[in-house]
Amino acid sequence: MSDDRFIKELYQELRKIACQIIANEKPGHTLQPTALVHEAYLKMRASYPQVLAAKNKREFLACAAEAMRHILVDQARSKKAKKRGGNKRRVPLEEAEFAVPQAGIDMEELSEAITQLEAHDATAAEVVKLKFFMGMKMEQVAEVMEQSLSMTNRQWRYARAWLKDYLDSRKNSDMK
C-alpha cells in the first residue's frame, strides 16, 4: 500500500477526531479541524517518517495524537505569550462588565502531567492520548492498543486518577 493510500484511508478518521478535539477546546479557539489534521501530518512527516513508512494503524494514530497534542500545547503557549497579552482574553468593551473567565483545561499543565505519567506508566499515557486528544471511544482505544476493553478501562481510570492527583498537587504547591 502506498503512503498516499494509507493516509487517505485514515484521513476521514483523523478529521472526525480533530473535530471532537476542537469541540472540547476553550471558546475562542481559532484552529480548524482540517488545519489541525494537516499540521499533525506535516509534523509527523518531518519528525516521524518511519511511522508513515511502517503503515501501522496503531503507531500512526498514537503518533498523530502526540502531534496534535504538541500543536495544541504550542498554540496555547503562544496565546499566553506576553506579546499577545498573556493569559488575558479579549472582550468587546460593551461586554466587559459581564466577562467571566472561562473554565477549561490548561494545555501546558496537562501536557506536562501526561509527560510525567508517561515516565511512570507509558501504556496509561497512551490511553489518555488516544482517548483525550484523539477523541476515541474506549472500544476504539482498546482496539488500537490491541488489548481488552476491561484493561483499557482500568488504565483510563488509573490515568485519570493519577493526572488529577498530579495536577492537584501542582495547584496546591502553587498556592503556597
N, C-alpha and C. Protein backbone atom coordinates (compact mmCIF):
# COMPACT_ATOMS: atom_id res chain seq x y z
N MET A 1 0.84 -1.17 0.00
CA MET A 1 0.00 0.00 0.00
C MET A 1 0.89 1.24 0.00
N SER A 2 0.59 2.19 -0.86
CA SER A 2 1.39 3.42 -0.94
C SER A 2 1.11 4.32 0.25
N ASP A 3 2.03 5.27 0.50
CA ASP A 3 1.84 6.23 1.58
C ASP A 3 0.55 7.01 1.38
N ASP A 4 0.30 7.45 0.14
CA ASP A 4 -0.90 8.24 -0.14
C ASP A 4 -2.16 7.46 0.18
N ARG A 5 -2.21 6.21 -0.21
CA ARG A 5 -3.41 5.39 0.04
C ARG A 5 -3.61 5.16 1.54
N PHE A 6 -2.52 4.90 2.25
CA PHE A 6 -2.58 4.71 3.70
C PHE A 6 -3.14 5.95 4.39
N ILE A 7 -2.63 7.11 4.01
CA ILE A 7 -3.09 8.38 4.60
C ILE A 7 -4.55 8.64 4.24
N LYS A 8 -4.92 8.42 2.99
CA LYS A 8 -6.31 8.64 2.57
C LYS A 8 -7.28 7.77 3.36
N GLU A 9 -6.88 6.54 3.66
CA GLU A 9 -7.74 5.65 4.44
C GLU A 9 -7.98 6.17 5.85
N LEU A 10 -6.98 6.82 6.42
CA LEU A 10 -7.10 7.30 7.80
C LEU A 10 -7.50 8.78 7.89
N TYR A 11 -7.52 9.49 6.76
CA TYR A 11 -7.77 10.93 6.78
C TYR A 11 -9.13 11.27 7.39
N GLN A 12 -10.19 10.61 6.95
CA GLN A 12 -11.52 10.93 7.47
C GLN A 12 -11.62 10.62 8.96
N GLU A 13 -10.97 9.55 9.39
CA GLU A 13 -10.95 9.21 10.81
C GLU A 13 -10.23 10.30 11.61
N LEU A 14 -9.11 10.76 11.08
CA LEU A 14 -8.37 11.84 11.75
C LEU A 14 -9.17 13.14 11.76
N ARG A 15 -9.88 13.42 10.70
CA ARG A 15 -10.70 14.64 10.61
C ARG A 15 -11.81 14.62 11.66
N LYS A 16 -12.49 13.47 11.81
CA LYS A 16 -13.54 13.33 12.83
C LYS A 16 -12.96 13.53 14.23
N ILE A 17 -11.80 12.94 14.45
CA ILE A 17 -11.14 13.06 15.75
C ILE A 17 -10.78 14.51 16.01
N ALA A 18 -10.25 15.19 15.01
CA ALA A 18 -9.88 16.61 15.16
C ALA A 18 -11.11 17.46 15.48
N CYS A 19 -12.25 17.15 14.85
CA CYS A 19 -13.50 17.87 15.15
C CYS A 19 -13.87 17.71 16.62
N GLN A 20 -13.72 16.50 17.14
CA GLN A 20 -14.04 16.25 18.55
C GLN A 20 -13.09 17.01 19.47
N ILE A 21 -11.81 17.00 19.10
CA ILE A 21 -10.82 17.70 19.92
C ILE A 21 -11.10 19.19 19.95
N ILE A 22 -11.35 19.78 18.80
CA ILE A 22 -11.61 21.22 18.71
C ILE A 22 -12.88 21.57 19.48
N ALA A 23 -13.89 20.71 19.44
CA ALA A 23 -15.14 20.97 20.16
C ALA A 23 -14.90 21.03 21.67
N ASN A 24 -13.87 20.35 22.16
CA ASN A 24 -13.57 20.34 23.59
C ASN A 24 -12.62 21.45 24.02
N GLU A 25 -12.17 22.26 23.09
CA GLU A 25 -11.26 23.35 23.41
C GLU A 25 -12.01 24.52 24.04
N LYS A 26 -11.25 25.41 24.65
CA LYS A 26 -11.83 26.61 25.24
C LYS A 26 -12.49 27.45 24.15
N PRO A 27 -13.51 28.24 24.49
CA PRO A 27 -14.11 29.14 23.50
C PRO A 27 -13.06 30.11 22.97
N GLY A 28 -13.21 30.48 21.71
CA GLY A 28 -12.27 31.41 21.09
C GLY A 28 -11.11 30.71 20.41
N HIS A 29 -11.13 29.40 20.40
CA HIS A 29 -10.07 28.63 19.74
C HIS A 29 -10.16 28.88 18.23
N THR A 30 -9.04 29.17 17.61
CA THR A 30 -9.07 29.55 16.19
C THR A 30 -8.62 28.45 15.23
N LEU A 31 -8.04 27.39 15.74
CA LEU A 31 -7.57 26.32 14.87
C LEU A 31 -8.75 25.48 14.39
N GLN A 32 -8.82 25.25 13.09
CA GLN A 32 -9.88 24.46 12.49
C GLN A 32 -9.46 22.99 12.43
N PRO A 33 -10.43 22.05 12.47
CA PRO A 33 -10.09 20.62 12.44
C PRO A 33 -9.22 20.22 11.25
N THR A 34 -9.54 20.70 10.08
CA THR A 34 -8.75 20.35 8.90
C THR A 34 -7.31 20.84 9.06
N ALA A 35 -7.15 22.04 9.57
CA ALA A 35 -5.81 22.59 9.79
C ALA A 35 -5.05 21.77 10.82
N LEU A 36 -5.74 21.33 11.87
CA LEU A 36 -5.11 20.51 12.90
C LEU A 36 -4.61 19.19 12.30
N VAL A 37 -5.43 18.55 11.48
CA VAL A 37 -5.03 17.30 10.83
C VAL A 37 -3.82 17.54 9.93
N HIS A 38 -3.88 18.59 9.14
CA HIS A 38 -2.80 18.86 8.20
C HIS A 38 -1.50 19.21 8.92
N GLU A 39 -1.60 20.00 9.98
CA GLU A 39 -0.40 20.34 10.75
C GLU A 39 0.18 19.09 11.41
N ALA A 40 -0.70 18.24 11.93
CA ALA A 40 -0.24 17.00 12.55
C ALA A 40 0.48 16.12 11.53
N TYR A 41 -0.07 16.03 10.34
CA TYR A 41 0.56 15.23 9.29
C TYR A 41 1.94 15.78 8.93
N LEU A 42 2.03 17.10 8.78
CA LEU A 42 3.32 17.70 8.45
C LEU A 42 4.34 17.47 9.55
N LYS A 43 3.88 17.59 10.79
CA LYS A 43 4.76 17.35 11.94
C LYS A 43 5.24 15.90 11.95
N MET A 44 4.32 14.97 11.66
CA MET A 44 4.67 13.55 11.63
C MET A 44 5.64 13.26 10.49
N ARG A 45 5.37 13.85 9.36
CA ARG A 45 6.21 13.60 8.18
C ARG A 45 7.64 14.09 8.42
N ALA A 46 7.76 15.22 9.11
CA ALA A 46 9.08 15.77 9.39
C ALA A 46 9.79 15.03 10.52
N SER A 47 9.04 14.68 11.57
CA SER A 47 9.66 14.11 12.76
C SER A 47 9.62 12.58 12.83
N TYR A 48 8.62 11.97 12.20
CA TYR A 48 8.44 10.53 12.33
C TYR A 48 8.19 9.86 10.98
N PRO A 49 9.07 10.02 10.00
CA PRO A 49 8.81 9.41 8.69
C PRO A 49 8.73 7.89 8.75
N GLN A 50 9.40 7.29 9.75
CA GLN A 50 9.37 5.84 9.89
C GLN A 50 7.98 5.33 10.23
N VAL A 51 7.18 6.13 10.92
CA VAL A 51 5.81 5.74 11.27
C VAL A 51 4.96 5.69 10.01
N LEU A 52 5.13 6.67 9.15
CA LEU A 52 4.39 6.68 7.89
C LEU A 52 4.82 5.52 7.01
N ALA A 53 6.10 5.22 7.00
CA ALA A 53 6.61 4.14 6.16
C ALA A 53 6.14 2.78 6.66
N ALA A 54 5.98 2.63 7.99
CA ALA A 54 5.59 1.34 8.56
C ALA A 54 4.14 0.99 8.25
N LYS A 55 3.29 2.01 8.05
CA LYS A 55 1.87 1.81 7.74
C LYS A 55 1.17 0.95 8.80
N ASN A 56 1.49 1.20 10.05
CA ASN A 56 0.87 0.52 11.19
C ASN A 56 -0.16 1.47 11.78
N LYS A 57 -1.43 1.09 11.75
CA LYS A 57 -2.51 1.98 12.18
C LYS A 57 -2.33 2.43 13.63
N ARG A 58 -1.98 1.50 14.53
CA ARG A 58 -1.82 1.84 15.94
C ARG A 58 -0.72 2.88 16.12
N GLU A 59 0.43 2.61 15.52
CA GLU A 59 1.55 3.54 15.62
C GLU A 59 1.19 4.89 15.02
N PHE A 60 0.53 4.86 13.88
CA PHE A 60 0.14 6.09 13.19
C PHE A 60 -0.78 6.93 14.06
N LEU A 61 -1.83 6.31 14.63
CA LEU A 61 -2.78 7.06 15.45
C LEU A 61 -2.14 7.57 16.72
N ALA A 62 -1.28 6.76 17.34
CA ALA A 62 -0.58 7.22 18.54
C ALA A 62 0.32 8.42 18.21
N CYS A 63 0.99 8.34 17.10
CA CYS A 63 1.87 9.43 16.66
C CYS A 63 1.05 10.68 16.32
N ALA A 64 -0.10 10.47 15.66
CA ALA A 64 -0.97 11.60 15.33
C ALA A 64 -1.49 12.26 16.61
N ALA A 65 -1.84 11.46 17.61
CA ALA A 65 -2.30 12.01 18.89
C ALA A 65 -1.22 12.86 19.53
N GLU A 66 0.01 12.36 19.50
CA GLU A 66 1.13 13.10 20.06
C GLU A 66 1.36 14.40 19.29
N ALA A 67 1.29 14.33 17.97
CA ALA A 67 1.48 15.53 17.15
C ALA A 67 0.38 16.56 17.43
N MET A 68 -0.87 16.11 17.52
CA MET A 68 -1.97 17.04 17.80
C MET A 68 -1.81 17.66 19.17
N ARG A 69 -1.37 16.86 20.15
CA ARG A 69 -1.15 17.39 21.50
C ARG A 69 -0.11 18.49 21.45
N HIS A 70 1.00 18.26 20.76
CA HIS A 70 2.06 19.28 20.67
C HIS A 70 1.56 20.54 19.97
N ILE A 71 0.78 20.37 18.94
CA ILE A 71 0.25 21.53 18.21
C ILE A 71 -0.65 22.35 19.11
N LEU A 72 -1.55 21.69 19.83
CA LEU A 72 -2.47 22.40 20.72
C LEU A 72 -1.73 23.07 21.88
N VAL A 73 -0.74 22.39 22.42
CA VAL A 73 0.05 22.98 23.50
C VAL A 73 0.83 24.19 22.99
N ASP A 74 1.45 24.05 21.82
CA ASP A 74 2.18 25.18 21.24
C ASP A 74 1.26 26.37 21.00
N GLN A 75 0.05 26.09 20.52
CA GLN A 75 -0.89 27.18 20.28
C GLN A 75 -1.31 27.83 21.59
N ALA A 76 -1.56 27.00 22.62
CA ALA A 76 -1.93 27.55 23.93
C ALA A 76 -0.81 28.42 24.49
N ARG A 77 0.42 27.96 24.33
CA ARG A 77 1.56 28.74 24.81
C ARG A 77 1.66 30.08 24.08
N SER A 78 1.47 30.03 22.78
CA SER A 78 1.59 31.28 22.03
C SER A 78 0.49 32.26 22.40
N LYS A 79 -0.69 31.74 22.75
CA LYS A 79 -1.77 32.64 23.16
C LYS A 79 -1.49 33.27 24.51
N LYS A 80 -0.72 32.57 25.34
CA LYS A 80 -0.40 33.09 26.67
C LYS A 80 0.80 34.02 26.65
N ALA A 81 1.49 34.03 25.54
CA ALA A 81 2.73 34.81 25.45
C ALA A 81 2.48 36.27 25.82
N LYS A 82 3.43 36.84 26.48
CA LYS A 82 3.31 38.24 26.91
C LYS A 82 3.00 39.18 25.77
N LYS A 83 3.61 38.94 24.61
CA LYS A 83 3.40 39.86 23.50
C LYS A 83 1.97 39.81 22.98
N ARG A 84 1.22 38.80 23.38
CA ARG A 84 -0.18 38.70 22.96
C ARG A 84 -1.13 38.94 24.12
N GLY A 85 -0.62 39.53 25.19
CA GLY A 85 -1.49 39.87 26.31
C GLY A 85 -1.53 38.82 27.39
N GLY A 86 -0.60 37.89 27.39
CA GLY A 86 -0.56 36.87 28.43
C GLY A 86 -1.78 35.99 28.40
N ASN A 87 -2.31 35.67 29.58
CA ASN A 87 -3.47 34.78 29.65
C ASN A 87 -4.79 35.55 29.68
N LYS A 88 -4.75 36.82 29.31
CA LYS A 88 -5.97 37.62 29.28
C LYS A 88 -6.70 37.35 27.97
N ARG A 89 -8.02 37.42 28.03
CA ARG A 89 -8.77 37.24 26.79
C ARG A 89 -9.39 38.56 26.39
N ARG A 90 -9.56 38.75 25.09
CA ARG A 90 -10.14 39.99 24.57
C ARG A 90 -11.64 39.95 24.74
N VAL A 91 -12.17 41.08 25.20
CA VAL A 91 -13.61 41.20 25.40
C VAL A 91 -14.05 42.53 24.81
N PRO A 92 -15.09 42.53 23.99
CA PRO A 92 -15.59 43.81 23.49
C PRO A 92 -15.97 44.71 24.67
N LEU A 93 -15.75 46.00 24.53
CA LEU A 93 -15.97 46.93 25.62
C LEU A 93 -17.37 46.84 26.19
N GLU A 94 -18.39 46.67 25.31
CA GLU A 94 -19.76 46.62 25.81
C GLU A 94 -20.04 45.37 26.65
N GLU A 95 -19.19 44.36 26.56
CA GLU A 95 -19.38 43.13 27.35
C GLU A 95 -18.45 43.06 28.55
N ALA A 96 -17.59 44.04 28.71
CA ALA A 96 -16.53 43.96 29.72
C ALA A 96 -17.04 43.73 31.13
N GLU A 97 -18.11 44.37 31.53
CA GLU A 97 -18.55 44.20 32.90
C GLU A 97 -19.18 42.83 33.16
N PHE A 98 -19.54 42.10 32.10
CA PHE A 98 -20.14 40.79 32.26
C PHE A 98 -19.16 39.65 32.01
N ALA A 99 -17.93 39.99 31.70
CA ALA A 99 -16.95 38.96 31.35
C ALA A 99 -16.63 38.09 32.55
N VAL A 100 -16.67 36.77 32.33
CA VAL A 100 -16.33 35.79 33.35
C VAL A 100 -15.27 34.89 32.76
N PRO A 101 -14.18 34.62 33.47
CA PRO A 101 -13.17 33.73 32.92
C PRO A 101 -13.78 32.36 32.59
N GLN A 102 -13.44 31.82 31.46
CA GLN A 102 -13.95 30.53 31.03
C GLN A 102 -13.19 29.41 31.73
N ALA A 103 -13.93 28.45 32.24
CA ALA A 103 -13.30 27.27 32.81
C ALA A 103 -12.82 26.42 31.66
N GLY A 104 -11.67 25.85 31.79
CA GLY A 104 -11.15 24.99 30.73
C GLY A 104 -9.86 24.34 31.17
N ILE A 105 -9.33 23.60 30.29
CA ILE A 105 -8.12 22.86 30.59
C ILE A 105 -6.91 23.66 30.14
N ASP A 106 -5.93 23.76 31.00
CA ASP A 106 -4.68 24.41 30.65
C ASP A 106 -3.83 23.36 29.93
N MET A 107 -3.67 23.54 28.61
CA MET A 107 -3.00 22.53 27.80
C MET A 107 -1.53 22.35 28.20
N GLU A 108 -0.89 23.42 28.66
CA GLU A 108 0.51 23.29 29.08
C GLU A 108 0.62 22.40 30.31
N GLU A 109 -0.24 22.64 31.30
CA GLU A 109 -0.22 21.83 32.51
C GLU A 109 -0.56 20.38 32.20
N LEU A 110 -1.58 20.18 31.36
CA LEU A 110 -1.97 18.83 31.00
C LEU A 110 -0.85 18.11 30.27
N SER A 111 -0.20 18.79 29.36
CA SER A 111 0.90 18.18 28.62
C SER A 111 2.03 17.77 29.55
N GLU A 112 2.37 18.63 30.49
CA GLU A 112 3.41 18.31 31.47
C GLU A 112 3.00 17.10 32.30
N ALA A 113 1.73 17.06 32.71
CA ALA A 113 1.23 15.93 33.50
C ALA A 113 1.30 14.63 32.71
N ILE A 114 0.94 14.69 31.43
CA ILE A 114 0.98 13.48 30.60
C ILE A 114 2.42 13.02 30.41
N THR A 115 3.34 13.95 30.27
CA THR A 115 4.76 13.60 30.15
C THR A 115 5.22 12.89 31.42
N GLN A 116 4.80 13.38 32.58
CA GLN A 116 5.16 12.74 33.85
C GLN A 116 4.52 11.36 33.96
N LEU A 117 3.25 11.25 33.55
CA LEU A 117 2.56 9.95 33.56
C LEU A 117 3.27 8.97 32.64
N GLU A 118 3.71 9.46 31.49
CA GLU A 118 4.39 8.60 30.52
C GLU A 118 5.66 7.99 31.12
N ALA A 119 6.38 8.77 31.92
CA ALA A 119 7.57 8.25 32.59
C ALA A 119 7.20 7.20 33.63
N HIS A 120 6.03 7.34 34.22
CA HIS A 120 5.57 6.42 35.26
C HIS A 120 4.87 5.20 34.66
N ASP A 121 4.02 5.41 33.65
CA ASP A 121 3.24 4.32 33.03
C ASP A 121 2.92 4.70 31.59
N ALA A 122 3.77 4.27 30.67
CA ALA A 122 3.65 4.66 29.25
C ALA A 122 2.34 4.18 28.63
N THR A 123 1.87 3.01 29.03
CA THR A 123 0.64 2.48 28.45
C THR A 123 -0.56 3.32 28.86
N ALA A 124 -0.63 3.70 30.12
CA ALA A 124 -1.73 4.54 30.60
C ALA A 124 -1.69 5.90 29.89
N ALA A 125 -0.49 6.43 29.68
CA ALA A 125 -0.35 7.71 28.98
C ALA A 125 -0.84 7.60 27.54
N GLU A 126 -0.57 6.47 26.90
CA GLU A 126 -1.04 6.27 25.52
C GLU A 126 -2.57 6.21 25.49
N VAL A 127 -3.17 5.59 26.49
CA VAL A 127 -4.64 5.55 26.57
C VAL A 127 -5.18 6.97 26.66
N VAL A 128 -4.57 7.80 27.50
CA VAL A 128 -5.00 9.19 27.65
C VAL A 128 -4.90 9.94 26.32
N LYS A 129 -3.80 9.77 25.64
CA LYS A 129 -3.60 10.48 24.37
C LYS A 129 -4.66 10.07 23.35
N LEU A 130 -4.90 8.78 23.25
CA LEU A 130 -5.89 8.31 22.27
C LEU A 130 -7.30 8.73 22.66
N LYS A 131 -7.62 8.65 23.95
CA LYS A 131 -8.97 8.99 24.42
C LYS A 131 -9.18 10.50 24.39
N PHE A 132 -8.26 11.25 24.98
CA PHE A 132 -8.46 12.69 25.14
C PHE A 132 -8.13 13.46 23.88
N PHE A 133 -6.94 13.23 23.32
CA PHE A 133 -6.51 14.03 22.18
C PHE A 133 -7.08 13.53 20.86
N MET A 134 -7.29 12.24 20.75
CA MET A 134 -7.85 11.71 19.51
C MET A 134 -9.37 11.59 19.60
N GLY A 135 -9.93 11.72 20.80
CA GLY A 135 -11.37 11.67 20.96
C GLY A 135 -11.97 10.30 20.72
N MET A 136 -11.17 9.27 20.86
CA MET A 136 -11.67 7.92 20.59
C MET A 136 -12.55 7.42 21.73
N LYS A 137 -13.48 6.55 21.39
CA LYS A 137 -14.27 5.84 22.40
C LYS A 137 -13.39 4.75 22.96
N MET A 138 -13.74 4.28 24.16
CA MET A 138 -12.91 3.28 24.82
C MET A 138 -12.77 2.01 23.98
N GLU A 139 -13.81 1.64 23.27
CA GLU A 139 -13.74 0.45 22.41
C GLU A 139 -12.68 0.64 21.32
N GLN A 140 -12.63 1.85 20.77
CA GLN A 140 -11.64 2.15 19.73
C GLN A 140 -10.23 2.14 20.30
N VAL A 141 -10.08 2.70 21.50
CA VAL A 141 -8.76 2.72 22.14
C VAL A 141 -8.28 1.29 22.38
N ALA A 142 -9.17 0.45 22.90
CA ALA A 142 -8.82 -0.95 23.15
C ALA A 142 -8.40 -1.65 21.86
N GLU A 143 -9.12 -1.38 20.79
CA GLU A 143 -8.80 -1.99 19.50
C GLU A 143 -7.44 -1.53 19.00
N VAL A 144 -7.20 -0.23 19.05
CA VAL A 144 -5.93 0.31 18.58
C VAL A 144 -4.77 -0.21 19.43
N MET A 145 -5.00 -0.34 20.74
CA MET A 145 -3.94 -0.79 21.64
C MET A 145 -3.83 -2.32 21.67
N GLU A 146 -4.75 -2.97 20.98
CA GLU A 146 -4.76 -4.42 20.91
C GLU A 146 -4.79 -5.06 22.28
N GLN A 147 -5.78 -4.63 23.09
CA GLN A 147 -5.96 -5.17 24.42
C GLN A 147 -7.45 -5.20 24.74
N SER A 148 -7.80 -5.83 25.83
CA SER A 148 -9.22 -5.96 26.19
C SER A 148 -9.79 -4.61 26.61
N LEU A 149 -11.10 -4.49 26.47
CA LEU A 149 -11.79 -3.27 26.87
C LEU A 149 -11.68 -3.06 28.38
N SER A 150 -11.78 -4.14 29.15
CA SER A 150 -11.69 -4.00 30.61
C SER A 150 -10.31 -3.50 31.03
N MET A 151 -9.26 -3.98 30.38
CA MET A 151 -7.91 -3.49 30.68
C MET A 151 -7.79 -2.02 30.31
N THR A 152 -8.33 -1.65 29.18
CA THR A 152 -8.28 -0.25 28.73
C THR A 152 -9.03 0.64 29.70
N ASN A 153 -10.18 0.20 30.16
CA ASN A 153 -10.96 0.98 31.14
C ASN A 153 -10.20 1.14 32.45
N ARG A 154 -9.53 0.08 32.91
CA ARG A 154 -8.73 0.17 34.14
C ARG A 154 -7.60 1.18 33.96
N GLN A 155 -6.93 1.13 32.81
CA GLN A 155 -5.84 2.08 32.56
C GLN A 155 -6.36 3.52 32.49
N TRP A 156 -7.53 3.71 31.91
CA TRP A 156 -8.13 5.04 31.81
C TRP A 156 -8.46 5.58 33.20
N ARG A 157 -9.10 4.73 34.04
CA ARG A 157 -9.43 5.15 35.41
C ARG A 157 -8.15 5.49 36.19
N TYR A 158 -7.15 4.63 36.07
CA TYR A 158 -5.88 4.87 36.75
C TYR A 158 -5.25 6.18 36.27
N ALA A 159 -5.20 6.36 34.96
CA ALA A 159 -4.57 7.56 34.40
C ALA A 159 -5.30 8.82 34.84
N ARG A 160 -6.63 8.79 34.82
CA ARG A 160 -7.40 9.97 35.25
C ARG A 160 -7.10 10.29 36.71
N ALA A 161 -7.08 9.26 37.57
CA ALA A 161 -6.80 9.49 38.99
C ALA A 161 -5.37 10.02 39.18
N TRP A 162 -4.42 9.44 38.46
CA TRP A 162 -3.03 9.85 38.57
C TRP A 162 -2.88 11.30 38.12
N LEU A 163 -3.49 11.64 36.98
CA LEU A 163 -3.40 13.00 36.45
C LEU A 163 -4.06 14.00 37.40
N LYS A 164 -5.21 13.63 37.95
CA LYS A 164 -5.90 14.52 38.89
C LYS A 164 -5.02 14.78 40.11
N ASP A 165 -4.44 13.72 40.68
CA ASP A 165 -3.55 13.88 41.83
C ASP A 165 -2.36 14.77 41.48
N TYR A 166 -1.77 14.52 40.32
CA TYR A 166 -0.61 15.30 39.90
C TYR A 166 -0.97 16.78 39.74
N LEU A 167 -2.07 17.05 39.02
CA LEU A 167 -2.47 18.44 38.79
C LEU A 167 -2.90 19.12 40.09
N ASP A 168 -3.61 18.39 40.97
CA ASP A 168 -4.00 18.96 42.27
C ASP A 168 -2.77 19.30 43.11
N SER A 169 -1.77 18.40 43.10
CA SER A 169 -0.57 18.68 43.90
C SER A 169 0.18 19.89 43.35
N ARG A 170 0.19 20.05 42.03
CA ARG A 170 0.82 21.22 41.41
C ARG A 170 0.07 22.50 41.80
N LYS A 171 -1.28 22.42 41.76
CA LYS A 171 -2.09 23.57 42.09
C LYS A 171 -1.88 23.97 43.56
N ASN A 172 -1.84 22.96 44.44
CA ASN A 172 -1.65 23.22 45.86
C ASN A 172 -0.26 23.80 46.15
N SER A 173 0.76 23.33 45.45
CA SER A 173 2.10 23.86 45.66
C SER A 173 2.22 25.30 45.11
N ASP A 174 1.44 25.61 44.07
CA ASP A 174 1.44 26.97 43.53
C ASP A 174 0.77 27.95 44.48
N MET A 175 -0.17 27.47 45.29
CA MET A 175 -0.92 28.36 46.20
C MET A 175 -0.09 28.71 47.42
N LYS A 176 0.94 27.95 47.72
CA LYS A 176 1.74 28.19 48.93
C LYS A 176 2.72 29.30 48.72
